[in-house]
Amino acid sequence: MEVKCKVFGHQWKIKKRSNVIQYDDMGYPLRLFICECKHCMKLEQMWIDTEECKNDVVLQWSDYIPIMLKDGKVCSEYRNELNEWIKKRMAESEE
């Protein structure tokens, strides 16, 4: 499948398909793809209309960002705390 961009002259071709979907405002599913321009080889992530599949993961957005950064990198002293927070959130979502 190709997605053409007339504005910049890119001709996008889907390189990889994810199992992640989200729904637009009208309730249609969008899938995350990695696309590559046939001309300049530029890579872009794009949300494209799709159909739901059995093993899809629905993207969930959150206002809370638990990552503690120092100079743009996750601090090693906070890594255990972050891992525990992720485990807790995953357990809560399974309930």
Protein backbone atom coordinates (compact mmCIF):
# COMPACT_ATOMS: atom_id res chain seq x y z
CA MET A 1 0.00 0.00 0.00
CA GLU A 2 1.27 3.48 -0.85
CA VAL A 3 0.33 6.81 0.66
CA LYS A 4 1.12 9.74 -1.63
CA CYS A 5 2.04 13.19 -0.31
CA LYS A 6 1.69 15.82 -3.02
CA VAL A 7 2.81 18.70 -0.77
CA PHE A 8 6.41 17.52 -0.30
CA GLY A 9 6.61 15.12 -3.24
CA HIS A 10 7.10 12.08 -1.01
CA GLN A 11 5.80 8.72 -2.15
CA TRP A 12 5.28 6.71 1.02
CA LYS A 13 5.39 2.94 1.15
CA ILE A 14 4.48 0.99 4.29
CA LYS A 15 7.58 -0.65 5.69
CA LYS A 16 6.26 -2.03 9.01
CA ARG A 17 2.83 -2.51 10.58
CA SER A 18 2.30 -2.34 14.33
CA ASN A 19 -0.27 -4.08 16.50
CA VAL A 20 -1.15 -0.73 18.12
CA ILE A 21 -4.41 1.00 17.24
CA GLN A 22 -6.22 4.07 18.48
CA TYR A 23 -9.64 5.43 17.60
CA ASP A 24 -10.29 8.78 15.94
CA ASP A 25 -13.04 11.19 17.04
CA MET A 26 -15.63 9.35 14.95
CA GLY A 27 -14.69 5.94 16.37
CA TYR A 28 -12.72 4.58 13.41
CA PRO A 29 -9.57 2.56 14.16
CA LEU A 30 -6.17 3.91 13.13
CA ARG A 31 -3.05 1.73 13.06
CA LEU A 32 0.52 2.91 13.59
CA PHE A 33 2.74 2.22 10.57
CA ILE A 34 6.35 3.01 9.73
CA CYS A 35 6.47 4.33 6.17
CA GLU A 36 9.42 5.04 3.90
CA CYS A 37 9.60 7.51 1.02
CA LYS A 38 10.52 5.76 -2.23
CA HIS A 39 12.53 8.79 -3.36
CA CYS A 40 14.52 10.05 -0.36
CA MET A 41 14.23 6.99 1.96
CA LYS A 42 12.92 9.19 4.80
CA LEU A 43 11.11 7.21 7.51
CA GLU A 44 7.93 8.48 9.19
CA GLN A 45 5.46 7.06 11.68
CA MET A 46 1.89 7.43 10.42
CA TRP A 47 -1.55 6.65 11.81
CA ILE A 48 -3.55 5.17 8.91
CA ASP A 49 -7.18 3.95 8.71
CA THR A 50 -7.33 0.22 9.32
CA GLU A 51 -9.43 -2.68 10.52
CA GLU A 52 -9.20 -4.23 13.97
CA CYS A 53 -7.35 -7.53 14.26
CA LYS A 54 -7.48 -10.16 16.99
CA ASN A 55 -4.14 -9.35 18.70
CA ASP A 56 -4.31 -5.56 18.49
CA VAL A 57 -3.37 -3.43 21.47
CA VAL A 58 -5.49 -0.32 21.99
CA LEU A 59 -3.36 2.73 22.77
CA GLN A 60 -4.23 4.37 26.08
CA TRP A 61 -3.25 7.97 26.79
CA SER A 62 -2.37 9.27 30.24
CA ASP A 63 -1.65 12.73 31.63
CA TYR A 64 0.76 11.29 34.20
CA ILE A 65 4.35 10.79 33.03
CA PRO A 66 6.36 8.85 35.65
CA ILE A 67 9.78 9.09 33.97
CA MET A 68 12.42 10.95 35.95
CA LEU A 69 15.00 12.45 33.63
CA LYS A 70 18.48 13.84 34.16
CA ASP A 71 20.12 15.42 31.13
CA GLY A 72 17.49 13.80 28.89
CA LYS A 73 18.17 10.24 30.12
CA VAL A 74 16.32 8.04 32.61
CA CYS A 75 18.29 8.13 35.87
CA SER A 76 19.52 4.70 36.92
CA GLU A 77 18.60 5.37 40.56
CA TYR A 78 14.94 5.79 39.50
CA ARG A 79 14.84 2.78 37.16
CA ASN A 80 13.61 0.35 39.87
CA GLU A 81 10.95 2.81 40.97
CA LEU A 82 9.80 3.22 37.37
CA ASN A 83 9.69 -0.56 36.81
CA GLU A 84 7.60 -1.02 39.97
CA TRP A 85 5.20 1.71 38.83
CA ILE A 86 4.81 0.02 35.42
CA LYS A 87 4.15 -3.40 37.03
CA LYS A 88 1.52 -1.85 39.31
CA ARG A 89 -0.25 -0.09 36.41
CA MET A 90 -0.25 -3.29 34.33
CA ALA A 91 -1.73 -5.28 37.23
CA GLU A 92 -4.43 -2.62 37.69
CA SER A 93 -5.34 -2.70 33.99
CA GLU A 94 -5.75 -6.50 34.07
CA GLU A 95 -8.28 -6.32 36.93
